[in-house]
C-alpha cells in the first residue's frame, strides 16, 4: 500500500482495537513504529485523531469522523488485494477467527492443521471467546457459533458433526446420593455449574420427544471451563453437563457414568459464519471451501 494508506490503516486498527499493543500485534509491527506512524499522520493533517492516556486509547471526534469515512475505502482496498491473491496457487495472508473454546478444541483444531498444511503462506489468529462477539466490529474474518445464535445477515456453513451434551457423575457420587430419574431431580443434587462471560450460570437444557425443559442447578462449584467440570465430576463433587467428547475418556476409564441419557439427544453442531460479501478474502475462501468439503465427507 502507499505510505499514506498504510498510515490510515494503522490509525483504523488502533481506533478499532483501542490499543497500540494489540494493533501492533495484528499489523505485525512494533508499538513504537505504530506510534511514530500515527504521530506523522496527525502532524500531516494538523489535527489530533486519538486521545491517549497511560491506560487507554480512544478516537477524538475528528478521529471518529475520519474512521467512519475511511473504513469502507480500506475494506475496498483489502478486497482488491485479495482479488490479486486469487491468482496465486495458494493464498497468503492472515485469517482471523473467533470461536468458543469448546468449538476450537472439538472441531476447529484438526481443520486448521489441514488448512495450514495445504496453504503454507497463510497464518491463522484464533481467539477463543465464549462471549457473543461482534466479529465485524472486532475485525475478525469469520467466527463460530451454534446456529440459533447466528445473525440473519451472515453466511453460515456447518462445521463438524452434530453435538451431544451428557450428564455425568462419578460412581462414588451416585453410590452416596442415588440416581436421578428426571432432569428436575438434579435440583436436589450437587451440580457443577458453568458460568457465562456475562457472569450468569448456564441453565441445563433437556429434550425428550416434543418435551423440552431447562433446569436451574446449583452446587458447591462453578467454573468457566468444561475440562474443569470433568475434573470435578470425576472427583465426586457432583454432576456435570458437558459435551460428550469431553466426557469420553472418563467414561471409557470408568471414572464417570452417564445419567438421563434419554433426555440428551443429538443437536445440530457448530457453524462457521462470516459477513455476506461480493468478494471474500482469499484465505477465508480457501478455509470455507475446506469446511464445506469436510461437511460433505461426513
C-alpha atoms as a PDB file:
ATOM      1  CA  UNK A   1       0.000   0.000   0.000  1.00  0.00           C
ATOM      2  CA  UNK A   2       1.123   3.650  -0.445  1.00  0.00           C
ATOM      3  CA  UNK A   3       2.568   5.114   2.744  1.00  0.00           C
ATOM      4  CA  UNK A   4      -0.457   7.372   3.365  1.00  0.00           C
ATOM      5  CA  UNK A   5      -2.781   4.374   3.055  1.00  0.00           C
ATOM      6  CA  UNK A   6      -0.607   2.379   5.440  1.00  0.00           C
ATOM      7  CA  UNK A   7      -0.832   5.218   7.984  1.00  0.00           C
ATOM      8  CA  UNK A   8      -4.623   5.293   7.636  1.00  0.00           C
ATOM      9  CA  UNK A   9      -4.771   1.513   8.056  1.00  0.00           C
ATOM     10  CA  UNK A  10      -2.640   1.860  11.188  1.00  0.00           C
ATOM     11  CA  UNK A  11      -4.971   4.543  12.555  1.00  0.00           C
ATOM     12  CA  UNK A  12      -8.087   2.466  11.793  1.00  0.00           C
ATOM     13  CA  UNK A  13      -6.617  -0.592  13.528  1.00  0.00           C
ATOM     14  CA  UNK A  14      -5.650   1.333  16.674  1.00  0.00           C
ATOM     15  CA  UNK A  15      -9.052   3.068  16.759  1.00  0.00           C
ATOM     16  CA  UNK A  16     -10.882  -0.241  16.381  1.00  0.00           C
ATOM     17  CA  UNK A  17      -8.875  -2.164  18.984  1.00  0.00           C
ATOM     18  CA  UNK A  18      -8.386   0.807  21.369  1.00  0.00           C
ATOM     19  CA  UNK A  19      -4.850  -0.428  21.977  1.00  0.00           C
ATOM     20  CA  UNK A  20      -1.448   0.271  20.409  1.00  0.00           C
ATOM     21  CA  UNK A  21      -0.111  -3.071  21.658  1.00  0.00           C
ATOM     22  CA  UNK A  22      -2.939  -5.146  20.181  1.00  0.00           C
ATOM     23  CA  UNK A  23      -2.920  -3.147  16.946  1.00  0.00           C
ATOM     24  CA  UNK A  24       0.846  -3.603  16.605  1.00  0.00           C
ATOM     25  CA  UNK A  25       0.427  -7.363  17.054  1.00  0.00           C
ATOM     26  CA  UNK A  26      -2.302  -7.508  14.415  1.00  0.00           C
ATOM     27  CA  UNK A  27      -0.300  -5.414  11.931  1.00  0.00           C
ATOM     28  CA  UNK A  28       2.996  -7.166  12.627  1.00  0.00           C
ATOM     29  CA  UNK A  29       4.937  -4.042  13.631  1.00  0.00           C
ATOM     30  CA  UNK A  30       6.391  -2.712  16.876  1.00  0.00           C
ATOM     31  CA  UNK A  31       4.267  -0.428  19.092  1.00  0.00           C
ATOM     32  CA  UNK A  32       6.888   2.299  18.770  1.00  0.00           C
ATOM     33  CA  UNK A  33       6.777   2.171  14.962  1.00  0.00           C
ATOM     34  CA  UNK A  34       2.991   2.293  15.084  1.00  0.00           C
ATOM     35  CA  UNK A  35       3.035   5.287  17.438  1.00  0.00           C
ATOM     36  CA  UNK A  36       5.509   7.070  15.137  1.00  0.00           C
ATOM     37  CA  UNK A  37       3.259   6.459  12.104  1.00  0.00           C
ATOM     38  CA  UNK A  38       0.230   7.844  13.953  1.00  0.00           C
ATOM     39  CA  UNK A  39       2.120  10.949  15.064  1.00  0.00           C
ATOM     40  CA  UNK A  40       3.173  11.553  11.465  1.00  0.00           C
ATOM     41  CA  UNK A  41      -0.414  11.211  10.267  1.00  0.00           C
ATOM     42  CA  UNK A  42      -1.700  13.638  12.898  1.00  0.00           C
ATOM     43  CA  UNK A  43       1.058  16.165  12.145  1.00  0.00           C
ATOM     44  CA  UNK A  44       0.353  15.939   8.424  1.00  0.00           C
ATOM     45  CA  UNK A  45      -3.370  16.523   8.945  1.00  0.00           C
ATOM     46  CA  UNK A  46      -2.827  19.124  11.643  1.00  0.00           C
ATOM     47  CA  UNK A  47      -5.427  17.552  13.948  1.00  0.00           C
ATOM     48  CA  UNK A  48      -5.391  15.092  16.838  1.00  0.00           C
ATOM     49  CA  UNK A  49      -7.063  11.804  15.922  1.00  0.00           C
ATOM     50  CA  UNK A  50      -6.519   9.805  19.114  1.00  0.00           C
ATOM     51  CA  UNK A  51      -6.732  10.623  22.797  1.00  0.00           C
ATOM     52  CA  UNK A  52      -4.005   8.717  24.616  1.00  0.00           C
ATOM     53  CA  UNK A  53      -3.566   8.030  28.310  1.00  0.00           C
ATOM     54  CA  UNK A  54      -1.347   5.523  30.092  1.00  0.00           C
ATOM     55  CA  UNK A  55      -4.326   3.120  30.254  1.00  0.00           C
ATOM     56  CA  UNK A  56      -6.462   3.783  27.193  1.00  0.00           C
ATOM     57  CA  UNK A  57      -6.631   4.952  23.600  1.00  0.00           C
ATOM     58  CA  UNK A  58      -9.805   6.351  22.029  1.00  0.00           C
ATOM     59  CA  UNK A  59     -10.594   8.335  18.845  1.00  0.00           C
ATOM     60  CA  UNK A  60     -11.288  12.037  19.153  1.00  0.00           C
ATOM     61  CA  UNK A  61     -14.389  13.464  17.480  1.00  0.00           C
ATOM     62  CA  UNK A  62     -12.268  14.148  14.397  1.00  0.00           C
ATOM     63  CA  UNK A  63     -10.873  10.624  14.617  1.00  0.00           C
ATOM     64  CA  UNK A  64     -14.350   9.073  14.821  1.00  0.00           C
ATOM     65  CA  UNK A  65     -15.435  11.009  11.740  1.00  0.00           C
ATOM     66  CA  UNK A  66     -12.325  10.016   9.805  1.00  0.00           C
ATOM     67  CA  UNK A  67     -12.701   6.377  10.838  1.00  0.00           C
ATOM     68  CA  UNK A  68     -16.295   6.286   9.581  1.00  0.00           C
ATOM     69  CA  UNK A  69     -15.251   7.668   6.193  1.00  0.00           C
ATOM     70  CA  UNK A  70     -12.142   5.577   5.560  1.00  0.00           C
ATOM     71  CA  UNK A  71     -13.345   2.182   6.790  1.00  0.00           C
ATOM     72  CA  UNK A  72     -15.313   1.318   3.591  1.00  0.00           C
ATOM     73  CA  UNK A  73     -12.411   2.512   1.428  1.00  0.00           C
ATOM     74  CA  UNK A  74      -9.859   0.442   3.347  1.00  0.00           C
ATOM     75  CA  UNK A  75     -12.121  -2.591   3.022  1.00  0.00           C
ATOM     76  CA  UNK A  76     -12.303  -1.997  -0.754  1.00  0.00           C
ATOM     77  CA  UNK A  77      -8.504  -1.801  -0.933  1.00  0.00           C
ATOM     78  CA  UNK A  78      -8.116  -5.022   1.028  1.00  0.00           C
ATOM     79  CA  UNK A  79     -10.702  -6.704  -1.179  1.00  0.00           C
ATOM     80  CA  UNK A  80      -8.823  -5.593  -4.295  1.00  0.00           C
ATOM     81  CA  UNK A  81      -5.601  -7.034  -2.907  1.00  0.00           C
ATOM     82  CA  UNK A  82      -7.441 -10.269  -2.124  1.00  0.00           C
ATOM     83  CA  UNK A  83      -8.608 -10.432  -5.741  1.00  0.00           C
ATOM     84  CA  UNK A  84      -4.958 -10.434  -6.821  1.00  0.00           C
ATOM     85  CA  UNK A  85      -4.365 -13.143  -4.220  1.00  0.00           C
ATOM     86  CA  UNK A  86      -6.774 -15.350  -6.172  1.00  0.00           C
ATOM     87  CA  UNK A  87      -4.181 -15.617  -8.964  1.00  0.00           C
ATOM     88  CA  UNK A  88      -1.734 -17.383  -6.654  1.00  0.00           C
ATOM     89  CA  UNK A  89      -1.532 -21.165  -6.470  1.00  0.00           C
ATOM     90  CA  UNK A  90      -2.169 -20.808  -2.743  1.00  0.00           C
ATOM     91  CA  UNK A  91      -3.324 -17.717  -0.795  1.00  0.00           C
ATOM     92  CA  UNK A  92      -1.068 -15.783   1.541  1.00  0.00           C
ATOM     93  CA  UNK A  93      -2.062 -13.593   4.456  1.00  0.00           C
ATOM     94  CA  UNK A  94      -3.674 -13.886   7.875  1.00  0.00           C
ATOM     95  CA  UNK A  95      -7.034 -15.448   8.695  1.00  0.00           C
ATOM     96  CA  UNK A  96      -8.540 -14.119  11.950  1.00  0.00           C
ATOM     97  CA  UNK A  97     -11.116 -16.400  13.602  1.00  0.00           C
ATOM     98  CA  UNK A  98     -13.251 -16.039  16.729  1.00  0.00           C
ATOM     99  CA  UNK A  99     -14.597 -19.203  18.337  1.00  0.00           C
ATOM    100  CA  UNK A 100     -15.959 -20.595  21.596  1.00  0.00           C
ATOM    101  CA  UNK A 101     -13.243 -22.604  23.314  1.00  0.00           C
ATOM    102  CA  UNK A 102     -15.161 -25.878  23.009  1.00  0.00           C
ATOM    103  CA  UNK A 103     -15.633 -25.479  19.258  1.00  0.00           C
ATOM    104  CA  UNK A 104     -11.944 -24.656  18.845  1.00  0.00           C
ATOM    105  CA  UNK A 105     -10.896 -27.775  20.740  1.00  0.00           C
ATOM    106  CA  UNK A 106     -13.503 -30.188  19.377  1.00  0.00           C
ATOM    107  CA  UNK A 107     -13.800 -29.277  15.693  1.00  0.00           C
ATOM    108  CA  UNK A 108     -11.561 -26.378  14.611  1.00  0.00           C
ATOM    109  CA  UNK A 109      -8.143 -27.669  15.675  1.00  0.00           C
ATOM    110  CA  UNK A 110      -7.904 -30.582  13.189  1.00  0.00           C
ATOM    111  CA  UNK A 111      -9.276 -28.462  10.338  1.00  0.00           C
ATOM    112  CA  UNK A 112      -6.773 -25.687  10.989  1.00  0.00           C
ATOM    113  CA  UNK A 113      -3.956 -28.226  10.939  1.00  0.00           C
ATOM    114  CA  UNK A 114      -5.073 -29.384   7.479  1.00  0.00           C
ATOM    115  CA  UNK A 115      -5.610 -25.809   6.280  1.00  0.00           C
ATOM    116  CA  UNK A 116      -2.123 -24.634   7.269  1.00  0.00           C
ATOM    117  CA  UNK A 117      -0.510 -27.725   5.738  1.00  0.00           C
ATOM    118  CA  UNK A 118      -2.320 -27.062   2.442  1.00  0.00           C
ATOM    119  CA  UNK A 119      -1.624 -23.304   2.449  1.00  0.00           C
ATOM    120  CA  UNK A 120       1.853 -22.641   3.885  1.00  0.00           C
ATOM    121  CA  UNK A 121       1.606 -18.934   3.014  1.00  0.00           C
ATOM    122  CA  UNK A 122      -1.292 -18.449   5.442  1.00  0.00           C
ATOM    123  CA  UNK A 123      -1.252 -17.631   9.150  1.00  0.00           C
ATOM    124  CA  UNK A 124      -4.219 -18.096  11.470  1.00  0.00           C
ATOM    125  CA  UNK A 125      -5.024 -15.982  14.525  1.00  0.00           C
ATOM    126  CA  UNK A 126      -7.598 -17.882  16.594  1.00  0.00           C
ATOM    127  CA  UNK A 127      -9.187 -16.082  19.533  1.00  0.00           C
ATOM    128  CA  UNK A 128     -11.163 -18.331  21.895  1.00  0.00           C
ATOM    129  CA  UNK A 129     -14.021 -16.306  23.314  1.00  0.00           C
ATOM    130  CA  UNK A 130     -17.287 -17.602  24.783  1.00  0.00           C
ATOM    131  CA  UNK A 131     -18.960 -14.174  24.602  1.00  0.00           C
ATOM    132  CA  UNK A 132     -21.196 -13.242  21.647  1.00  0.00           C
ATOM    133  CA  UNK A 133     -18.541 -11.111  19.971  1.00  0.00           C
ATOM    134  CA  UNK A 134     -19.411  -8.874  17.021  1.00  0.00           C
ATOM    135  CA  UNK A 135     -16.876 -10.304  14.589  1.00  0.00           C
ATOM    136  CA  UNK A 136     -17.193  -7.396  12.146  1.00  0.00           C
ATOM    137  CA  UNK A 137     -16.600  -4.696  14.759  1.00  0.00           C
ATOM    138  CA  UNK A 138     -13.749  -6.713  16.292  1.00  0.00           C
ATOM    139  CA  UNK A 139     -12.006  -7.195  12.942  1.00  0.00           C
ATOM    140  CA  UNK A 140     -12.384 -10.956  12.544  1.00  0.00           C
ATOM    141  CA  UNK A 141     -12.762 -12.606   9.148  1.00  0.00           C
ATOM    142  CA  UNK A 142     -15.122 -15.263  10.494  1.00  0.00           C
ATOM    143  CA  UNK A 143     -16.496 -16.776  13.672  1.00  0.00           C
ATOM    144  CA  UNK A 144     -18.005 -19.986  15.041  1.00  0.00           C
ATOM    145  CA  UNK A 145     -21.359 -20.318  16.813  1.00  0.00           C
ATOM    146  CA  UNK A 146     -24.355 -22.583  17.200  1.00  0.00           C
ATOM    147  CA  UNK A 147     -27.000 -21.965  14.532  1.00  0.00           C
ATOM    148  CA  UNK A 148     -29.599 -20.348  16.790  1.00  0.00           C
ATOM    149  CA  UNK A 149     -27.123 -17.612  17.752  1.00  0.00           C
ATOM    150  CA  UNK A 150     -26.275 -16.524  14.204  1.00  0.00           C
ATOM    151  CA  UNK A 151     -27.217 -13.134  12.837  1.00  0.00           C
ATOM    152  CA  UNK A 152     -29.502 -13.365   9.809  1.00  0.00           C
ATOM    153  CA  UNK A 153     -27.197 -11.375   7.501  1.00  0.00           C
ATOM    154  CA  UNK A 154     -24.346 -13.869   7.870  1.00  0.00           C
ATOM    155  CA  UNK A 155     -23.266 -16.690   5.578  1.00  0.00           C
ATOM    156  CA  UNK A 156     -23.177 -19.916   7.619  1.00  0.00           C
ATOM    157  CA  UNK A 157     -21.534 -23.279   6.840  1.00  0.00           C
ATOM    158  CA  UNK A 158     -21.970 -26.413   9.010  1.00  0.00           C
ATOM    159  CA  UNK A 159     -18.761 -27.052  10.923  1.00  0.00           C
ATOM    160  CA  UNK A 160     -18.102 -30.528  12.248  1.00  0.00           C
ATOM    161  CA  UNK A 161     -20.579 -33.236  13.253  1.00  0.00           C
ATOM    162  CA  UNK A 162     -23.749 -32.910  15.348  1.00  0.00           C
ATOM    163  CA  UNK A 163     -23.025 -32.419  19.031  1.00  0.00           C
ATOM    164  CA  UNK A 164     -24.442 -34.034  22.157  1.00  0.00           C
ATOM    165  CA  UNK A 165     -24.376 -32.981  25.782  1.00  0.00           C
ATOM    166  CA  UNK A 166     -24.360 -35.621  28.517  1.00  0.00           C
ATOM    167  CA  UNK A 167     -24.897 -35.549  32.271  1.00  0.00           C
ATOM    168  CA  UNK A 168     -22.110 -37.386  34.061  1.00  0.00           C
ATOM    169  CA  UNK A 169     -21.089 -38.196  37.620  1.00  0.00           C
ATOM    170  CA  UNK A 170     -18.555 -40.369  39.409  1.00  0.00           C
ATOM    171  CA  UNK A 171     -19.729 -43.831  40.510  1.00  0.00           C
ATOM    172  CA  UNK A 172     -18.771 -42.837  44.069  1.00  0.00           C
ATOM    173  CA  UNK A 173     -21.131 -39.856  43.996  1.00  0.00           C
ATOM    174  CA  UNK A 174     -24.017 -41.986  42.703  1.00  0.00           C
ATOM    175  CA  UNK A 175     -23.356 -44.640  45.368  1.00  0.00           C
ATOM    176  CA  UNK A 176     -23.730 -41.995  48.083  1.00  0.00           C
ATOM    177  CA  UNK A 177     -26.553 -39.867  46.664  1.00  0.00           C
ATOM    178  CA  UNK A 178     -28.519 -42.029  44.232  1.00  0.00           C
ATOM    179  CA  UNK A 179     -29.510 -41.787  40.584  1.00  0.00           C
ATOM    180  CA  UNK A 180     -31.758 -39.018  39.179  1.00  0.00           C
ATOM    181  CA  UNK A 181     -34.715 -40.312  37.159  1.00  0.00           C
ATOM    182  CA  UNK A 182     -35.843 -36.959  35.741  1.00  0.00           C
ATOM    183  CA  UNK A 183     -33.944 -33.724  34.963  1.00  0.00           C
ATOM    184  CA  UNK A 184     -35.837 -31.918  37.736  1.00  0.00           C
ATOM    185  CA  UNK A 185     -34.302 -34.361  40.222  1.00  0.00           C
ATOM    186  CA  UNK A 186     -30.970 -32.602  39.622  1.00  0.00           C
ATOM    187  CA  UNK A 187     -32.207 -29.690  41.716  1.00  0.00           C
ATOM    188  CA  UNK A 188     -31.822 -31.944  44.778  1.00  0.00           C
ATOM    189  CA  UNK A 189     -28.238 -32.848  43.860  1.00  0.00           C
ATOM    190  CA  UNK A 190     -24.871 -31.086  43.815  1.00  0.00           C
ATOM    191  CA  UNK A 191     -24.104 -29.916  40.279  1.00  0.00           C
ATOM    192  CA  UNK A 192     -21.011 -28.256  38.857  1.00  0.00           C
ATOM    193  CA  UNK A 193     -22.134 -25.035  37.178  1.00  0.00           C
ATOM    194  CA  UNK A 194     -20.612 -23.352  34.154  1.00  0.00           C
ATOM    195  CA  UNK A 195     -20.511 -19.575  34.120  1.00  0.00           C
ATOM    196  CA  UNK A 196     -21.040 -17.366  31.071  1.00  0.00           C
ATOM    197  CA  UNK A 197     -18.619 -14.467  30.424  1.00  0.00           C
ATOM    198  CA  UNK A 198     -21.517 -12.191  31.450  1.00  0.00           C
ATOM    199  CA  UNK A 199     -21.484 -13.794  34.916  1.00  0.00           C
ATOM    200  CA  UNK A 200     -24.708 -15.792  34.593  1.00  0.00           C
ATOM    201  CA  UNK A 201     -24.853 -19.536  35.287  1.00  0.00           C
ATOM    202  CA  UNK A 202     -25.974 -21.745  32.387  1.00  0.00           C
ATOM    203  CA  UNK A 203     -29.349 -23.460  32.835  1.00  0.00           C
ATOM    204  CA  UNK A 204     -29.068 -27.087  31.726  1.00  0.00           C
ATOM    205  CA  UNK A 205     -31.230 -27.850  28.676  1.00  0.00           C
ATOM    206  CA  UNK A 206     -33.009 -31.164  28.083  1.00  0.00           C
ATOM    207  CA  UNK A 207     -35.352 -32.623  25.481  1.00  0.00           C
ATOM    208  CA  UNK A 208     -37.257 -35.871  25.091  1.00  0.00           C
ATOM    209  CA  UNK A 209     -39.533 -36.122  22.099  1.00  0.00           C
ATOM    210  CA  UNK A 210     -41.585 -32.928  21.965  1.00  0.00           C
ATOM    211  CA  UNK A 211     -40.890 -32.092  25.613  1.00  0.00           C
ATOM    212  CA  UNK A 212     -38.188 -29.519  26.352  1.00  0.00           C
ATOM    213  CA  UNK A 213     -37.145 -28.007  29.646  1.00  0.00           C
ATOM    214  CA  UNK A 214     -34.402 -26.025  31.343  1.00  0.00           C
ATOM    215  CA  UNK A 215     -33.191 -26.824  34.834  1.00  0.00           C
ATOM    216  CA  UNK A 216     -31.555 -24.292  37.111  1.00  0.00           C
ATOM    217  CA  UNK A 217     -28.959 -26.309  39.018  1.00  0.00           C
ATOM    218  CA  UNK A 218     -26.798 -25.406  41.986  1.00  0.00           C
ATOM    219  CA  UNK A 219     -23.825 -26.812  43.803  1.00  0.00           C
ATOM    220  CA  UNK A 220     -20.573 -26.041  45.572  1.00  0.00           C
ATOM    221  CA  UNK A 221     -18.555 -25.184  42.442  1.00  0.00           C
ATOM    222  CA  UNK A 222     -18.952 -23.045  39.316  1.00  0.00           C
ATOM    223  CA  UNK A 223     -16.271 -22.838  36.629  1.00  0.00           C
ATOM    224  CA  UNK A 224     -15.730 -21.341  33.172  1.00  0.00           C
ATOM    225  CA  UNK A 225     -14.195 -24.377  31.503  1.00  0.00           C
ATOM    226  CA  UNK A 226     -15.621 -27.823  30.711  1.00  0.00           C
ATOM    227  CA  UNK A 227     -12.417 -29.776  31.376  1.00  0.00           C
ATOM    228  CA  UNK A 228     -12.583 -28.357  34.917  1.00  0.00           C
ATOM    229  CA  UNK A 229     -16.173 -29.599  35.168  1.00  0.00           C
ATOM    230  CA  UNK A 230     -14.994 -33.067  34.126  1.00  0.00           C
ATOM    231  CA  UNK A 231     -12.231 -32.998  36.741  1.00  0.00           C
ATOM    232  CA  UNK A 232     -14.697 -32.012  39.452  1.00  0.00           C
ATOM    233  CA  UNK A 233     -17.215 -34.675  38.422  1.00  0.00           C
ATOM    234  CA  UNK A 234     -14.526 -37.389  38.396  1.00  0.00           C
ATOM    235  CA  UNK A 235     -13.672 -36.379  41.949  1.00  0.00           C
ATOM    236  CA  UNK A 236     -17.303 -36.818  43.082  1.00  0.00           C
ATOM    237  CA  UNK A 237     -18.043 -33.086  43.549  1.00  0.00           C
ATOM    238  CA  UNK A 238     -21.357 -33.550  41.743  1.00  0.00           C
ATOM    239  CA  UNK A 239     -22.975 -33.874  38.332  1.00  0.00           C
ATOM    240  CA  UNK A 240     -21.555 -32.156  35.247  1.00  0.00           C
ATOM    241  CA  UNK A 241     -23.291 -31.303  31.963  1.00  0.00           C
ATOM    242  CA  UNK A 242     -20.699 -31.380  29.180  1.00  0.00           C
ATOM    243  CA  UNK A 243     -20.038 -32.163  25.539  1.00  0.00           C
ATOM    244  CA  UNK A 244     -19.923 -35.941  25.069  1.00  0.00           C
ATOM    245  CA  UNK A 245     -16.432 -35.711  23.527  1.00  0.00           C
ATOM    246  CA  UNK A 246     -15.050 -34.159  26.703  1.00  0.00           C
ATOM    247  CA  UNK A 247     -16.551 -36.935  28.825  1.00  0.00           C
ATOM    248  CA  UNK A 248     -15.458 -39.825  26.577  1.00  0.00           C
ATOM    249  CA  UNK A 249     -12.069 -40.565  28.241  1.00  0.00           C
ATOM    250  CA  UNK A 250     -13.573 -40.591  31.745  1.00  0.00           C
ATOM    251  CA  UNK A 251     -16.455 -42.789  30.615  1.00  0.00           C
ATOM    252  CA  UNK A 252     -14.111 -45.255  28.889  1.00  0.00           C
ATOM    253  CA  UNK A 253     -11.941 -45.480  32.004  1.00  0.00           C
ATOM    254  CA  UNK A 254     -14.910 -45.946  34.341  1.00  0.00           C
ATOM    255  CA  UNK A 255     -14.253 -42.689  36.210  1.00  0.00           C
ATOM    256  CA  UNK A 256     -17.639 -41.381  35.048  1.00  0.00           C
ATOM    257  CA  UNK A 257     -21.051 -42.740  34.133  1.00  0.00           C
ATOM    258  CA  UNK A 258     -23.878 -41.025  32.263  1.00  0.00           C
ATOM    259  CA  UNK A 259     -27.401 -40.463  33.569  1.00  0.00           C
ATOM    260  CA  UNK A 260     -30.623 -39.205  31.935  1.00  0.00           C
ATOM    261  CA  UNK A 261     -29.428 -40.386  28.515  1.00  0.00           C
ATOM    262  CA  UNK A 262     -32.944 -40.335  27.054  1.00  0.00           C
ATOM    263  CA  UNK A 263     -33.108 -36.591  27.834  1.00  0.00           C
ATOM    264  CA  UNK A 264     -29.867 -35.815  25.976  1.00  0.00           C
ATOM    265  CA  UNK A 265     -30.408 -36.115  22.204  1.00  0.00           C
ATOM    266  CA  UNK A 266     -28.004 -35.029  19.490  1.00  0.00           C
ATOM    267  CA  UNK A 267     -28.258 -31.384  18.478  1.00  0.00           C
ATOM    268  CA  UNK A 268     -27.069 -29.551  15.331  1.00  0.00           C
ATOM    269  CA  UNK A 269     -23.379 -28.732  15.581  1.00  0.00           C
ATOM    270  CA  UNK A 270     -21.414 -25.539  15.101  1.00  0.00           C
ATOM    271  CA  UNK A 271     -21.365 -23.223  12.115  1.00  0.00           C
ATOM    272  CA  UNK A 272     -18.582 -21.196  10.558  1.00  0.00           C
ATOM    273  CA  UNK A 273     -20.063 -17.792   9.757  1.00  0.00           C
ATOM    274  CA  UNK A 274     -18.877 -14.606   8.089  1.00  0.00           C
ATOM    275  CA  UNK A 275     -20.368 -11.442   6.551  1.00  0.00           C
ATOM    276  CA  UNK A 276     -22.001 -11.734   3.161  1.00  0.00           C
ATOM    277  CA  UNK A 277     -19.618 -10.110   0.673  1.00  0.00           C
ATOM    278  CA  UNK A 278     -19.387  -9.917  -3.087  1.00  0.00           C
ATOM    279  CA  UNK A 279     -15.686 -10.726  -2.788  1.00  0.00           C
ATOM    280  CA  UNK A 280     -14.215 -12.812   0.032  1.00  0.00           C
ATOM    281  CA  UNK A 281     -10.601 -12.655   1.239  1.00  0.00           C
ATOM    282  CA  UNK A 282      -8.686 -15.442  -0.480  1.00  0.00           C
ATOM    283  CA  UNK A 283      -7.671 -17.055   2.813  1.00  0.00           C
ATOM    284  CA  UNK A 284     -11.247 -17.138   4.084  1.00  0.00           C
ATOM    285  CA  UNK A 285     -12.439 -18.503   0.756  1.00  0.00           C
ATOM    286  CA  UNK A 286      -9.921 -21.346   0.976  1.00  0.00           C
ATOM    287  CA  UNK A 287     -10.836 -22.162   4.576  1.00  0.00           C
ATOM    288  CA  UNK A 288     -14.578 -22.054   3.830  1.00  0.00           C
ATOM    289  CA  UNK A 289     -14.009 -24.485   0.951  1.00  0.00           C
ATOM    290  CA  UNK A 290     -12.207 -26.858   3.305  1.00  0.00           C
ATOM    291  CA  UNK A 291     -15.061 -26.667   5.832  1.00  0.00           C
ATOM    292  CA  UNK A 292     -17.654 -27.355   3.100  1.00  0.00           C
ATOM    293  CA  UNK A 293     -15.686 -30.338   1.805  1.00  0.00           C
ATOM    294  CA  UNK A 294     -15.327 -31.724   5.327  1.00  0.00           C
ATOM    295  CA  UNK A 295     -19.075 -31.360   5.867  1.00  0.00           C
ATOM    296  CA  UNK A 296     -19.862 -33.241   2.610  1.00  0.00           C
ATOM    297  CA  UNK A 297     -17.473 -36.052   3.575  1.00  0.00           C
ATOM    298  CA  UNK A 298     -19.393 -36.806   6.794  1.00  0.00           C
END
